[in-house]
Amino acid sequence: MKHIKNWEDLEPYGINELTGEACAAGLRLLCDLTEDGKANAYAFLGIPLDTPVAENWNIGGAASIMMPRSVFKELAAFLLLTGGTRDHGCEIVLAFDHDVVGFTADDLRNQPGVVDEYRETMKHMGHDCRTIMPLRGQPRQGMSSVHAATGRAA
């Protein structure tokens, strides 16, 4: 089982939150991206890897990006499902109010019913839960579905 509870938990995926003060509207966080982080963020946003972004702010970064605070759960779920650039992805992700939990194939094989048990426990604690799973049985390129009529992927 893998947990992502806050922006700091995205550091293993190469996304390093720096500050919220950089956004005059207070809606975005300035994040430094490592090379892996850049690949992960670009894949999440569906933009080509050669798209230019701002220069990194801190040593060790490859680039910087202003990431909307509101995408945290979706970004965390995406990283857990895909595994980012270095990890194996999860089979099922549960997104709660503030944290996101991913269950690997080993979790599901070795602990039958673990997802339902976890979901029910959190439900009794008053947390809303959204279950996220990758689409199955359709052609895709990476994490983009292939359009049936044109053969294109986003």
N, C-alpha and C. Protein backbone atom coordinates (compact mmCIF):
# COMPACT_ATOMS: atom_id res chain seq x y z
N MET A 1 0.86 -1.17 0.00
CA MET A 1 0.00 0.00 0.00
C MET A 1 0.91 1.23 0.00
N LYS A 2 0.53 2.23 -0.78
CA LYS A 2 1.30 3.46 -0.89
C LYS A 2 0.40 4.64 -0.57
N HIS A 3 0.91 5.56 0.24
CA HIS A 3 0.15 6.75 0.63
C HIS A 3 0.81 8.01 0.08
N ILE A 4 0.00 8.93 -0.36
CA ILE A 4 0.44 10.30 -0.64
C ILE A 4 -0.51 11.19 0.13
N LYS A 5 0.01 11.88 1.13
CA LYS A 5 -0.83 12.68 2.02
C LYS A 5 -0.71 14.18 1.78
N ASN A 6 0.41 14.62 1.20
CA ASN A 6 0.62 16.06 1.01
C ASN A 6 1.63 16.28 -0.11
N TRP A 7 1.86 17.53 -0.43
CA TRP A 7 2.76 17.86 -1.53
C TRP A 7 4.17 17.34 -1.29
N GLU A 8 4.61 17.31 -0.03
CA GLU A 8 5.95 16.81 0.27
C GLU A 8 6.11 15.35 -0.13
N ASP A 9 5.02 14.58 -0.10
CA ASP A 9 5.07 13.16 -0.48
C ASP A 9 5.29 12.96 -1.98
N LEU A 10 5.26 14.06 -2.75
CA LEU A 10 5.50 13.96 -4.20
C LEU A 10 6.99 14.04 -4.54
N GLU A 11 7.83 14.33 -3.55
CA GLU A 11 9.26 14.45 -3.80
C GLU A 11 9.88 13.20 -4.42
N PRO A 12 9.51 11.97 -3.99
CA PRO A 12 10.08 10.79 -4.65
C PRO A 12 9.74 10.71 -6.15
N TYR A 13 8.71 11.43 -6.56
CA TYR A 13 8.32 11.47 -7.97
C TYR A 13 8.93 12.67 -8.69
N GLY A 14 9.84 13.39 -8.00
CA GLY A 14 10.56 14.49 -8.62
C GLY A 14 9.83 15.81 -8.62
N ILE A 15 8.77 15.94 -7.85
CA ILE A 15 8.00 17.19 -7.77
C ILE A 15 8.20 17.75 -6.37
N ASN A 16 8.93 18.87 -6.28
CA ASN A 16 9.31 19.43 -5.00
C ASN A 16 8.63 20.78 -4.79
N GLU A 17 7.66 20.80 -3.90
CA GLU A 17 6.94 22.04 -3.59
C GLU A 17 7.91 23.01 -2.93
N LEU A 18 7.91 24.25 -3.43
CA LEU A 18 8.77 25.28 -2.85
C LEU A 18 7.99 26.27 -2.02
N THR A 19 6.97 26.90 -2.63
CA THR A 19 6.23 27.94 -1.91
C THR A 19 4.90 28.23 -2.59
N GLY A 20 3.95 28.70 -1.81
CA GLY A 20 2.69 29.18 -2.35
C GLY A 20 2.70 30.69 -2.53
N GLU A 21 3.72 31.34 -2.03
CA GLU A 21 3.81 32.80 -2.10
C GLU A 21 4.13 33.32 -3.49
N ALA A 22 4.58 32.43 -4.38
CA ALA A 22 4.94 32.85 -5.73
C ALA A 22 3.70 33.20 -6.57
N CYS A 23 2.54 32.68 -6.20
CA CYS A 23 1.30 32.95 -6.95
C CYS A 23 0.57 34.11 -6.29
N ALA A 24 0.40 35.18 -7.02
CA ALA A 24 -0.26 36.37 -6.48
C ALA A 24 -1.71 36.10 -6.12
N ALA A 25 -2.34 35.10 -6.75
CA ALA A 25 -3.73 34.76 -6.44
C ALA A 25 -3.83 33.72 -5.33
N GLY A 26 -2.70 33.12 -4.95
CA GLY A 26 -2.69 32.10 -3.91
C GLY A 26 -3.30 30.78 -4.34
N LEU A 27 -3.40 30.55 -5.64
CA LEU A 27 -4.03 29.33 -6.16
C LEU A 27 -3.04 28.27 -6.60
N ARG A 28 -1.77 28.66 -6.77
CA ARG A 28 -0.78 27.73 -7.30
C ARG A 28 0.43 27.66 -6.38
N LEU A 29 1.15 26.54 -6.51
CA LEU A 29 2.39 26.35 -5.78
C LEU A 29 3.55 26.34 -6.77
N LEU A 30 4.62 27.02 -6.42
CA LEU A 30 5.83 26.94 -7.22
C LEU A 30 6.53 25.64 -6.86
N CYS A 31 6.78 24.81 -7.87
CA CYS A 31 7.41 23.51 -7.66
C CYS A 31 8.63 23.39 -8.56
N ASP A 32 9.73 22.92 -7.99
CA ASP A 32 10.88 22.52 -8.80
C ASP A 32 10.66 21.09 -9.25
N LEU A 33 11.10 20.81 -10.45
CA LEU A 33 10.96 19.47 -11.02
C LEU A 33 12.35 18.92 -11.34
N THR A 34 12.62 17.69 -10.90
CA THR A 34 13.80 16.99 -11.38
C THR A 34 13.48 16.52 -12.80
N GLU A 35 14.43 15.85 -13.45
CA GLU A 35 14.14 15.31 -14.78
C GLU A 35 12.97 14.33 -14.71
N ASP A 36 12.96 13.45 -13.68
CA ASP A 36 11.83 12.53 -13.51
C ASP A 36 10.55 13.30 -13.22
N GLY A 37 10.65 14.33 -12.38
CA GLY A 37 9.48 15.15 -12.05
C GLY A 37 8.91 15.85 -13.26
N LYS A 38 9.79 16.32 -14.12
CA LYS A 38 9.35 16.96 -15.35
C LYS A 38 8.59 15.95 -16.21
N ALA A 39 9.13 14.74 -16.35
CA ALA A 39 8.45 13.71 -17.14
C ALA A 39 7.11 13.35 -16.51
N ASN A 40 7.06 13.25 -15.18
CA ASN A 40 5.82 12.91 -14.50
C ASN A 40 4.77 14.02 -14.63
N ALA A 41 5.18 15.26 -14.40
CA ALA A 41 4.24 16.39 -14.48
C ALA A 41 3.73 16.57 -15.91
N TYR A 42 4.62 16.46 -16.89
CA TYR A 42 4.22 16.60 -18.28
C TYR A 42 3.26 15.49 -18.69
N ALA A 43 3.54 14.25 -18.25
CA ALA A 43 2.63 13.15 -18.57
C ALA A 43 1.26 13.41 -17.96
N PHE A 44 1.23 13.87 -16.71
CA PHE A 44 -0.03 14.18 -16.04
C PHE A 44 -0.80 15.26 -16.79
N LEU A 45 -0.10 16.31 -17.21
CA LEU A 45 -0.74 17.43 -17.90
C LEU A 45 -1.01 17.14 -19.37
N GLY A 46 -0.42 16.07 -19.91
CA GLY A 46 -0.64 15.71 -21.31
C GLY A 46 0.04 16.65 -22.28
N ILE A 47 1.21 17.15 -21.90
CA ILE A 47 1.94 18.06 -22.79
C ILE A 47 3.25 17.41 -23.21
N PRO A 48 3.74 17.75 -24.41
CA PRO A 48 4.99 17.16 -24.91
C PRO A 48 6.17 17.50 -23.99
N LEU A 49 7.08 16.55 -23.84
CA LEU A 49 8.21 16.70 -22.95
C LEU A 49 9.16 17.82 -23.38
N ASP A 50 9.11 18.22 -24.65
CA ASP A 50 10.00 19.29 -25.10
C ASP A 50 9.39 20.69 -24.93
N THR A 51 8.23 20.78 -24.29
CA THR A 51 7.61 22.08 -24.02
C THR A 51 8.45 22.83 -23.00
N PRO A 52 8.88 24.05 -23.32
CA PRO A 52 9.73 24.78 -22.38
C PRO A 52 8.94 25.26 -21.16
N VAL A 53 9.61 25.25 -20.01
CA VAL A 53 9.06 25.80 -18.77
C VAL A 53 10.15 26.66 -18.14
N ALA A 54 9.80 27.26 -17.01
CA ALA A 54 10.72 28.16 -16.33
C ALA A 54 11.94 27.42 -15.79
N GLU A 55 13.01 28.17 -15.64
CA GLU A 55 14.24 27.65 -15.06
C GLU A 55 14.00 27.26 -13.61
N ASN A 56 14.72 26.23 -13.13
CA ASN A 56 14.58 25.80 -11.75
C ASN A 56 15.02 26.89 -10.78
N TRP A 57 14.44 26.86 -9.58
CA TRP A 57 14.78 27.84 -8.55
C TRP A 57 15.87 27.32 -7.63
N ASN A 58 15.90 26.04 -7.37
CA ASN A 58 16.86 25.45 -6.43
C ASN A 58 17.81 24.51 -7.14
N ILE A 59 18.96 24.28 -6.54
CA ILE A 59 19.94 23.34 -7.07
C ILE A 59 19.31 21.94 -7.10
N GLY A 60 19.55 21.23 -8.16
CA GLY A 60 19.02 19.87 -8.29
C GLY A 60 17.76 19.79 -9.12
N GLY A 61 17.16 20.92 -9.38
CA GLY A 61 15.97 20.94 -10.22
C GLY A 61 16.33 21.07 -11.68
N ALA A 62 15.46 20.58 -12.54
CA ALA A 62 15.65 20.71 -13.98
C ALA A 62 14.77 21.81 -14.55
N ALA A 63 13.70 22.13 -13.83
CA ALA A 63 12.73 23.13 -14.29
C ALA A 63 11.84 23.52 -13.11
N SER A 64 11.04 24.55 -13.31
CA SER A 64 10.05 24.94 -12.31
C SER A 64 8.71 25.12 -12.99
N ILE A 65 7.65 24.90 -12.22
CA ILE A 65 6.30 25.02 -12.76
C ILE A 65 5.38 25.52 -11.65
N MET A 66 4.38 26.28 -12.02
CA MET A 66 3.34 26.70 -11.08
C MET A 66 2.22 25.67 -11.17
N MET A 67 2.06 24.87 -10.13
CA MET A 67 1.07 23.79 -10.14
C MET A 67 -0.15 24.22 -9.34
N PRO A 68 -1.34 24.15 -9.93
CA PRO A 68 -2.55 24.50 -9.17
C PRO A 68 -2.72 23.61 -7.94
N ARG A 69 -3.03 24.23 -6.82
CA ARG A 69 -3.25 23.47 -5.58
C ARG A 69 -4.39 22.45 -5.76
N SER A 70 -5.37 22.81 -6.57
CA SER A 70 -6.58 21.99 -6.71
C SER A 70 -6.35 20.67 -7.42
N VAL A 71 -5.20 20.45 -8.04
CA VAL A 71 -4.96 19.20 -8.77
C VAL A 71 -4.27 18.15 -7.91
N PHE A 72 -4.07 18.42 -6.63
CA PHE A 72 -3.28 17.52 -5.79
C PHE A 72 -3.78 16.08 -5.84
N LYS A 73 -5.07 15.85 -5.57
CA LYS A 73 -5.58 14.48 -5.52
C LYS A 73 -5.45 13.78 -6.87
N GLU A 74 -5.73 14.48 -7.95
CA GLU A 74 -5.64 13.87 -9.27
C GLU A 74 -4.19 13.57 -9.63
N LEU A 75 -3.29 14.51 -9.31
CA LEU A 75 -1.87 14.28 -9.57
C LEU A 75 -1.36 13.10 -8.76
N ALA A 76 -1.70 13.04 -7.49
CA ALA A 76 -1.27 11.93 -6.63
C ALA A 76 -1.82 10.60 -7.15
N ALA A 77 -3.09 10.57 -7.53
CA ALA A 77 -3.69 9.35 -8.06
C ALA A 77 -3.00 8.93 -9.36
N PHE A 78 -2.73 9.88 -10.23
CA PHE A 78 -2.05 9.60 -11.49
C PHE A 78 -0.67 8.98 -11.24
N LEU A 79 0.07 9.58 -10.31
CA LEU A 79 1.41 9.06 -10.00
C LEU A 79 1.34 7.67 -9.40
N LEU A 80 0.35 7.41 -8.55
CA LEU A 80 0.22 6.08 -7.99
C LEU A 80 -0.20 5.06 -9.05
N LEU A 81 -1.10 5.44 -9.95
CA LEU A 81 -1.54 4.51 -11.00
C LEU A 81 -0.42 4.20 -11.99
N THR A 82 0.33 5.23 -12.37
CA THR A 82 1.38 5.03 -13.37
C THR A 82 2.68 4.58 -12.74
N GLY A 83 2.86 4.86 -11.46
CA GLY A 83 4.13 4.58 -10.81
C GLY A 83 5.18 5.62 -11.10
N GLY A 84 4.80 6.69 -11.78
CA GLY A 84 5.80 7.70 -12.14
C GLY A 84 6.79 7.11 -13.12
N THR A 85 8.00 7.62 -13.12
CA THR A 85 9.01 7.16 -14.08
C THR A 85 9.85 6.02 -13.55
N ARG A 86 9.76 5.69 -12.26
CA ARG A 86 10.68 4.71 -11.69
C ARG A 86 10.01 3.55 -10.96
N ASP A 87 8.73 3.53 -10.85
CA ASP A 87 8.05 2.62 -9.94
C ASP A 87 7.01 1.82 -10.71
N HIS A 88 6.53 0.76 -10.10
CA HIS A 88 5.40 0.02 -10.66
C HIS A 88 4.12 0.66 -10.14
N GLY A 89 3.15 0.80 -11.00
CA GLY A 89 1.91 1.46 -10.63
C GLY A 89 1.01 0.60 -9.77
N CYS A 90 0.03 1.25 -9.20
CA CYS A 90 -0.97 0.58 -8.38
C CYS A 90 -2.14 0.14 -9.25
N GLU A 91 -2.86 -0.85 -8.78
CA GLU A 91 -4.02 -1.36 -9.50
C GLU A 91 -5.28 -0.57 -9.19
N ILE A 92 -5.41 -0.15 -7.94
CA ILE A 92 -6.58 0.59 -7.47
C ILE A 92 -6.10 1.72 -6.58
N VAL A 93 -6.71 2.89 -6.72
CA VAL A 93 -6.39 4.03 -5.89
C VAL A 93 -7.67 4.52 -5.23
N LEU A 94 -7.59 4.80 -3.94
CA LEU A 94 -8.68 5.41 -3.20
C LEU A 94 -8.28 6.83 -2.85
N ALA A 95 -9.09 7.79 -3.25
CA ALA A 95 -8.83 9.20 -2.97
C ALA A 95 -9.80 9.67 -1.89
N PHE A 96 -9.25 10.17 -0.80
CA PHE A 96 -10.05 10.66 0.32
C PHE A 96 -9.97 12.17 0.37
N ASP A 97 -10.45 12.76 1.45
CA ASP A 97 -10.46 14.21 1.60
C ASP A 97 -9.07 14.81 1.34
N HIS A 98 -8.06 14.25 2.00
CA HIS A 98 -6.74 14.85 1.92
C HIS A 98 -5.65 13.91 1.44
N ASP A 99 -5.83 12.62 1.57
CA ASP A 99 -4.77 11.71 1.15
C ASP A 99 -5.27 10.73 0.11
N VAL A 100 -4.29 10.14 -0.56
CA VAL A 100 -4.56 9.22 -1.65
C VAL A 100 -3.79 7.93 -1.34
N VAL A 101 -4.47 6.79 -1.47
CA VAL A 101 -3.88 5.50 -1.11
C VAL A 101 -3.94 4.59 -2.33
N GLY A 102 -2.80 3.99 -2.67
CA GLY A 102 -2.74 3.07 -3.80
C GLY A 102 -2.47 1.65 -3.34
N PHE A 103 -3.11 0.71 -3.99
CA PHE A 103 -2.94 -0.70 -3.69
C PHE A 103 -2.29 -1.39 -4.89
N THR A 104 -1.17 -2.06 -4.64
CA THR A 104 -0.45 -2.75 -5.71
C THR A 104 -1.06 -4.12 -5.97
N ALA A 105 -0.62 -4.75 -7.04
CA ALA A 105 -1.09 -6.11 -7.35
C ALA A 105 -0.74 -7.06 -6.20
N ASP A 106 0.43 -6.88 -5.58
CA ASP A 106 0.82 -7.72 -4.44
C ASP A 106 -0.11 -7.51 -3.26
N ASP A 107 -0.49 -6.26 -2.99
CA ASP A 107 -1.44 -5.98 -1.90
C ASP A 107 -2.73 -6.76 -2.12
N LEU A 108 -3.24 -6.71 -3.35
CA LEU A 108 -4.52 -7.34 -3.67
C LEU A 108 -4.42 -8.86 -3.63
N ARG A 109 -3.30 -9.39 -4.06
CA ARG A 109 -3.10 -10.84 -4.08
C ARG A 109 -2.87 -11.38 -2.67
N ASN A 110 -2.10 -10.67 -1.86
CA ASN A 110 -1.71 -11.16 -0.54
C ASN A 110 -2.70 -10.81 0.57
N GLN A 111 -3.59 -9.86 0.31
CA GLN A 111 -4.55 -9.43 1.33
C GLN A 111 -5.93 -9.28 0.70
N PRO A 112 -6.58 -10.38 0.37
CA PRO A 112 -7.91 -10.28 -0.26
C PRO A 112 -8.86 -9.43 0.59
N GLY A 113 -9.59 -8.55 -0.05
CA GLY A 113 -10.55 -7.70 0.66
C GLY A 113 -9.95 -6.46 1.29
N VAL A 114 -8.64 -6.23 1.10
CA VAL A 114 -7.98 -5.09 1.77
C VAL A 114 -8.57 -3.75 1.32
N VAL A 115 -8.94 -3.63 0.06
CA VAL A 115 -9.49 -2.36 -0.44
C VAL A 115 -10.83 -2.07 0.21
N ASP A 116 -11.72 -3.04 0.22
CA ASP A 116 -13.04 -2.85 0.83
C ASP A 116 -12.91 -2.55 2.32
N GLU A 117 -12.02 -3.26 2.99
CA GLU A 117 -11.80 -3.05 4.42
C GLU A 117 -11.29 -1.63 4.70
N TYR A 118 -10.34 -1.19 3.91
CA TYR A 118 -9.78 0.15 4.08
C TYR A 118 -10.85 1.21 3.80
N ARG A 119 -11.60 1.00 2.70
CA ARG A 119 -12.66 1.94 2.32
C ARG A 119 -13.70 2.06 3.44
N GLU A 120 -14.13 0.94 4.00
CA GLU A 120 -15.13 0.94 5.06
C GLU A 120 -14.62 1.60 6.34
N THR A 121 -13.35 1.33 6.68
CA THR A 121 -12.76 1.94 7.86
C THR A 121 -12.76 3.46 7.72
N MET A 122 -12.33 3.95 6.57
CA MET A 122 -12.28 5.39 6.35
C MET A 122 -13.69 5.99 6.29
N LYS A 123 -14.63 5.26 5.72
CA LYS A 123 -16.02 5.72 5.65
C LYS A 123 -16.59 5.92 7.06
N HIS A 124 -16.30 4.97 7.97
CA HIS A 124 -16.77 5.09 9.35
C HIS A 124 -16.11 6.26 10.07
N MET A 125 -14.94 6.68 9.60
CA MET A 125 -14.26 7.83 10.20
C MET A 125 -14.75 9.14 9.59
N GLY A 126 -15.71 9.05 8.65
CA GLY A 126 -16.30 10.24 8.07
C GLY A 126 -15.59 10.79 6.84
N HIS A 127 -14.79 9.96 6.18
CA HIS A 127 -14.07 10.41 4.99
C HIS A 127 -14.79 9.94 3.73
N ASP A 128 -15.02 10.87 2.80
CA ASP A 128 -15.55 10.50 1.50
C ASP A 128 -14.46 9.80 0.71
N CYS A 129 -14.87 8.84 -0.12
CA CYS A 129 -13.90 8.06 -0.87
C CYS A 129 -14.28 8.00 -2.33
N ARG A 130 -13.29 8.16 -3.18
CA ARG A 130 -13.46 7.99 -4.62
C ARG A 130 -12.52 6.88 -5.06
N THR A 131 -13.04 5.88 -5.76
CA THR A 131 -12.23 4.77 -6.25
C THR A 131 -11.79 5.08 -7.68
N ILE A 132 -10.50 4.95 -7.93
CA ILE A 132 -9.94 5.26 -9.25
C ILE A 132 -9.17 4.04 -9.75
N MET A 133 -9.48 3.62 -10.96
CA MET A 133 -8.77 2.50 -11.58
C MET A 133 -8.50 2.87 -13.03
N PRO A 134 -7.39 2.38 -13.60
CA PRO A 134 -7.15 2.67 -15.01
C PRO A 134 -8.20 1.98 -15.88
N LEU A 135 -8.51 2.59 -17.00
CA LEU A 135 -9.45 1.97 -17.94
C LEU A 135 -8.81 0.72 -18.52
N ARG A 136 -9.57 -0.31 -18.64
CA ARG A 136 -9.06 -1.59 -19.13
C ARG A 136 -9.73 -1.95 -20.46
N GLY A 137 -9.03 -2.72 -21.26
CA GLY A 137 -9.61 -3.30 -22.46
C GLY A 137 -9.71 -2.37 -23.65
N GLN A 138 -9.04 -1.25 -23.61
CA GLN A 138 -9.05 -0.38 -24.77
C GLN A 138 -7.62 -0.02 -25.12
N PRO A 139 -7.35 0.22 -26.40
CA PRO A 139 -5.98 0.54 -26.79
C PRO A 139 -5.54 1.87 -26.18
N ARG A 140 -4.24 1.93 -25.83
CA ARG A 140 -3.72 3.18 -25.30
C ARG A 140 -2.23 3.29 -25.60
N GLN A 141 -1.76 4.52 -25.52
CA GLN A 141 -0.33 4.82 -25.61
C GLN A 141 0.04 5.47 -24.29
N GLY A 142 0.85 4.80 -23.50
CA GLY A 142 1.15 5.31 -22.16
C GLY A 142 -0.14 5.41 -21.37
N MET A 143 -0.43 6.59 -20.85
CA MET A 143 -1.66 6.80 -20.10
C MET A 143 -2.70 7.57 -20.91
N SER A 144 -2.56 7.60 -22.22
CA SER A 144 -3.55 8.24 -23.09
C SER A 144 -4.29 7.16 -23.88
N SER A 145 -5.61 7.25 -23.92
CA SER A 145 -6.41 6.31 -24.71
C SER A 145 -6.26 6.63 -26.18
N VAL A 146 -6.29 5.60 -27.01
CA VAL A 146 -6.20 5.77 -28.45
C VAL A 146 -7.61 5.94 -29.00
N HIS A 147 -7.85 6.99 -29.78
CA HIS A 147 -9.13 7.28 -30.39
C HIS A 147 -9.42 6.22 -31.46
N ALA A 148 -10.57 5.58 -31.38
CA ALA A 148 -10.90 4.45 -32.24
C ALA A 148 -10.93 4.84 -33.72
N ALA A 149 -11.49 5.98 -34.06
CA ALA A 149 -11.66 6.35 -35.47
C ALA A 149 -10.37 6.86 -36.10
N THR A 150 -9.54 7.58 -35.34
CA THR A 150 -8.36 8.20 -35.93
C THR A 150 -7.05 7.50 -35.58
N GLY A 151 -7.06 6.70 -34.50
CA GLY A 151 -5.82 6.07 -34.07
C GLY A 151 -4.88 7.01 -33.33
N ARG A 152 -5.35 8.20 -33.05
CA ARG A 152 -4.53 9.19 -32.33
C ARG A 152 -4.70 9.06 -30.84
N ALA A 153 -3.65 9.45 -30.12
CA ALA A 153 -3.69 9.52 -28.66
C ALA A 153 -3.28 10.93 -28.26
N ALA A 154 -3.87 11.41 -27.18
CA ALA A 154 -3.55 12.77 -26.71
C ALA A 154 -2.14 12.84 -26.20
